[in-house]
Amino acid sequence: MGCPRPWVVPLIWVLTGLVIGALAWASPLYTEALWAPGNLSRYHTDIARCLSCHEPFRGPTPQKCLVCHTWEAFQSRSEPDVRQLHRDAIQTRQACLVCHTEHRGVLTAITIGRVENPHGELIFRATGATSCSDCHVIQARAGKPDGTLQRNAYVERLIQKGEGAHQLGHFAQCLKCHRGGQLDIEEEDEDEDDD
């Protein structure tokens, strides 16, 4: 049995051709809008071309990552446990995407499941920090991350800005007062009865 309407198959071919033609025409003009799932993190904003990280039809590959993130870079700039983790991953040819992600926004952490940021993007705007390690000592212990708070200029400035509200042990609760990630806090209205 064939198609009851002879015009259906040619219509499907024409519509498919139009969609492919529109994508082919728009791709060079609007690459980001068509293909990128979101903004790059602050660590990769200097990357101008998709092909710097992505292989056509395969996506990001360790070979592309290792062009910039060389073993020598890990050796010179990383803590010993981070260095060993990456050495093992490179030697076993583990995909970087097992632990890292991208295209989720400028201030988003790119390490999956390592250290979650309970403060949201607010903490970076409030302190001027650019990384969790600006305020925390990040160490892996027994497979779990430990983010011990440092007592440095970033943290001291935040304590002073809080005028008593910012206390050690309470920084993870930023969004209780800073609703919507705003730097200014919303004061609760105090209604006074003059009766």
Protein backbone atom coordinates (compact mmCIF):
# COMPACT_ATOMS: atom_id res chain seq x y z
CA MET A 1 0.00 0.00 0.00
CA GLY A 2 1.28 3.38 -0.94
CA CYS A 3 0.51 6.77 0.47
CA PRO A 4 -3.14 7.68 -0.20
CA ARG A 5 -2.18 11.23 -1.13
CA PRO A 6 0.60 11.51 -3.71
CA TRP A 7 1.58 15.04 -2.62
CA VAL A 8 2.58 14.04 0.97
CA VAL A 9 6.01 12.56 0.15
CA PRO A 10 7.12 15.50 -2.04
CA LEU A 11 5.89 17.93 0.65
CA ILE A 12 7.99 16.17 3.31
CA TRP A 13 11.05 16.37 1.03
CA VAL A 14 10.47 20.08 0.35
CA LEU A 15 10.00 20.90 4.07
CA THR A 16 13.10 18.88 5.01
CA GLY A 17 15.09 20.72 2.32
CA LEU A 18 13.87 24.09 3.61
CA VAL A 19 14.91 23.28 7.20
CA ILE A 20 18.34 22.04 6.10
CA GLY A 21 18.76 25.08 3.85
CA ALA A 22 17.82 27.50 6.66
CA LEU A 23 20.29 25.85 9.05
CA ALA A 24 23.06 25.87 6.44
CA TRP A 25 22.43 29.55 5.69
CA ALA A 26 22.14 30.67 9.34
CA SER A 27 24.95 28.57 10.85
CA PRO A 28 27.86 30.81 9.79
CA LEU A 29 25.90 33.94 10.71
CA TYR A 30 24.49 32.89 14.09
CA THR A 31 26.71 30.06 15.29
CA GLU A 32 26.26 30.73 19.02
CA ALA A 33 22.49 31.13 18.82
CA LEU A 34 22.03 27.93 16.84
CA TRP A 35 24.49 25.53 18.39
CA ALA A 36 25.80 26.67 21.80
CA PRO A 37 23.68 25.40 24.69
CA GLY A 38 24.76 28.29 26.98
CA ASN A 39 27.51 30.75 27.86
CA LEU A 40 31.02 29.52 28.61
CA SER A 41 32.33 29.69 32.17
CA ARG A 42 34.76 32.43 33.18
CA TYR A 43 37.60 29.93 32.77
CA HIS A 44 37.00 29.60 29.04
CA THR A 45 35.66 33.01 27.94
CA ASP A 46 38.83 33.62 25.91
CA ILE A 47 37.97 30.73 23.55
CA ALA A 48 36.62 32.17 20.32
CA ARG A 49 35.96 29.11 18.15
CA CYS A 50 33.84 26.02 18.85
CA LEU A 51 36.47 23.89 17.10
CA SER A 52 39.02 24.86 19.74
CA CYS A 53 37.30 22.39 22.08
CA HIS A 54 34.90 20.37 19.91
CA GLU A 55 35.59 17.72 17.28
CA PRO A 56 32.94 17.77 14.52
CA PHE A 57 30.17 15.29 15.27
CA ARG A 58 31.96 14.09 18.44
CA GLY A 59 31.93 17.05 20.82
CA PRO A 60 34.74 17.91 23.25
CA THR A 61 37.59 15.40 23.41
CA PRO A 62 40.51 14.97 25.84
CA GLN A 63 42.92 15.66 22.98
CA LYS A 64 41.37 19.11 22.50
CA CYS A 65 41.43 19.81 26.27
CA LEU A 66 45.10 18.83 26.55
CA VAL A 67 46.12 21.48 24.01
CA CYS A 68 45.58 24.13 26.73
CA HIS A 69 45.44 22.00 29.88
CA THR A 70 48.80 20.30 29.57
CA TRP A 71 50.31 17.97 32.13
CA GLU A 72 52.97 20.63 32.76
CA ALA A 73 50.23 23.13 33.68
CA PHE A 74 48.73 20.70 36.20
CA GLN A 75 52.19 19.98 37.59
CA SER A 76 53.03 23.63 38.20
CA ARG A 77 49.67 24.98 39.38
CA SER A 78 47.80 22.20 41.18
CA GLU A 79 47.73 20.75 44.67
CA PRO A 80 49.28 17.25 44.91
CA ASP A 81 45.96 15.37 45.08
CA VAL A 82 44.51 17.34 42.14
CA ARG A 83 47.72 16.75 40.21
CA GLN A 84 47.54 12.99 40.84
CA LEU A 85 43.86 12.84 39.89
CA HIS A 86 44.58 14.50 36.54
CA ARG A 87 47.72 12.40 35.94
CA ASP A 88 45.63 9.24 36.37
CA ALA A 89 42.88 10.58 34.11
CA ILE A 90 45.36 11.54 31.38
CA GLN A 91 47.18 8.19 31.55
CA THR A 92 43.95 6.18 31.37
CA ARG A 93 42.59 8.47 28.63
CA GLN A 94 39.52 9.22 30.70
CA ALA A 95 37.11 11.71 29.14
CA CYS A 96 37.31 15.15 30.78
CA LEU A 97 33.50 15.30 30.68
CA VAL A 98 33.33 12.65 33.39
CA CYS A 99 34.15 15.39 35.92
CA HIS A 100 33.87 18.67 34.01
CA THR A 101 31.09 20.49 32.19
CA GLU A 102 30.71 23.73 30.24
CA HIS A 103 28.15 26.06 28.70
CA ARG A 104 26.25 26.63 31.97
CA GLY A 105 27.03 30.30 32.53
CA VAL A 106 29.94 32.59 33.27
CA LEU A 107 30.10 32.08 37.05
CA THR A 108 29.18 28.41 37.13
CA ALA A 109 31.58 25.82 38.54
CA ILE A 110 32.81 23.48 35.81
CA THR A 111 33.61 20.53 38.05
CA ILE A 112 30.71 18.11 38.44
CA GLY A 113 30.07 16.66 41.88
CA ARG A 114 33.32 17.91 43.38
CA VAL A 115 32.46 21.02 45.35
CA GLU A 116 29.00 22.52 45.22
CA ASN A 117 28.69 26.25 45.76
CA PRO A 118 25.99 26.82 48.39
CA HIS A 119 26.32 30.60 47.99
CA GLY A 120 25.34 30.83 44.34
CA GLU A 121 26.89 33.44 42.03
CA LEU A 122 26.25 36.08 44.71
CA ILE A 123 29.42 35.23 46.62
CA PHE A 124 31.63 36.05 43.63
CA ARG A 125 29.96 39.45 43.16
CA ALA A 126 30.03 40.24 46.89
CA THR A 127 33.68 39.36 47.48
CA GLY A 128 35.34 39.92 44.12
CA ALA A 129 36.61 36.33 44.31
CA THR A 130 36.95 34.44 41.05
CA SER A 131 37.21 30.90 42.42
CA CYS A 132 36.12 28.88 45.45
CA SER A 133 39.80 28.53 46.38
CA ASP A 134 40.03 32.31 46.90
CA CYS A 135 38.14 31.81 50.19
CA HIS A 136 38.47 28.07 50.83
CA VAL A 137 41.29 25.54 51.10
CA ILE A 138 40.01 22.77 48.83
CA GLN A 139 41.34 19.31 49.65
CA ALA A 140 40.02 15.86 48.88
CA ARG A 141 39.78 13.63 51.92
CA ALA A 142 38.58 10.06 51.69
CA GLY A 143 36.98 10.80 48.34
CA LYS A 144 35.01 13.79 49.62
CA PRO A 145 35.93 17.44 49.13
CA ASP A 146 36.74 19.58 52.14
CA GLY A 147 36.40 23.35 51.78
CA THR A 148 37.93 24.80 54.95
CA LEU A 149 37.36 28.55 55.13
CA GLN A 150 40.49 30.70 55.01
CA ARG A 151 40.88 33.86 57.10
CA ASN A 152 42.14 36.11 54.32
CA ALA A 153 41.25 39.51 52.84
CA TYR A 154 38.19 38.19 50.95
CA VAL A 155 36.67 36.60 54.04
CA GLU A 156 37.55 39.47 56.39
CA ARG A 157 36.01 42.01 53.98
CA LEU A 158 32.83 39.94 53.81
CA ILE A 159 32.61 39.74 57.61
CA GLN A 160 33.02 43.52 57.87
CA LYS A 161 30.43 44.22 55.16
CA GLY A 162 27.88 42.13 57.06
CA GLU A 163 27.98 44.40 60.13
CA GLY A 164 27.50 41.42 62.44
CA ALA A 165 25.18 39.37 60.22
CA HIS A 166 28.05 37.59 58.45
CA GLN A 167 29.44 35.10 60.93
CA LEU A 168 31.61 32.07 60.44
CA GLY A 169 29.44 29.02 59.92
CA HIS A 170 26.59 31.05 58.41
CA PHE A 171 28.01 32.01 55.01
CA ALA A 172 26.30 29.09 53.26
CA GLN A 173 22.95 30.69 54.11
CA CYS A 174 23.51 33.83 51.97
CA LEU A 175 20.26 33.54 50.09
CA LYS A 176 18.16 33.71 53.28
CA CYS A 177 18.82 37.46 53.48
CA HIS A 178 20.01 38.19 49.94
CA ARG A 179 16.84 37.07 48.20
CA GLY A 180 17.20 36.51 44.48
CA GLY A 181 20.97 36.85 44.78
CA GLN A 182 20.83 40.61 45.37
CA LEU A 183 23.78 42.30 47.08
CA ASP A 184 21.44 44.51 49.09
CA ILE A 185 19.24 42.76 51.61
CA GLU A 186 15.50 43.22 51.77
CA GLU A 187 14.58 44.83 55.06
CA GLU A 188 11.43 43.47 56.64
CA ASP A 189 8.79 46.15 57.02
CA GLU A 190 7.96 46.88 60.61
CA ASP A 191 4.40 48.09 60.90
CA GLU A 192 3.88 50.26 63.91
CA ASP A 193 0.44 50.98 65.20
CA ASP A 194 -0.02 54.52 66.47
CA ASP A 195 -3.44 53.85 68.02
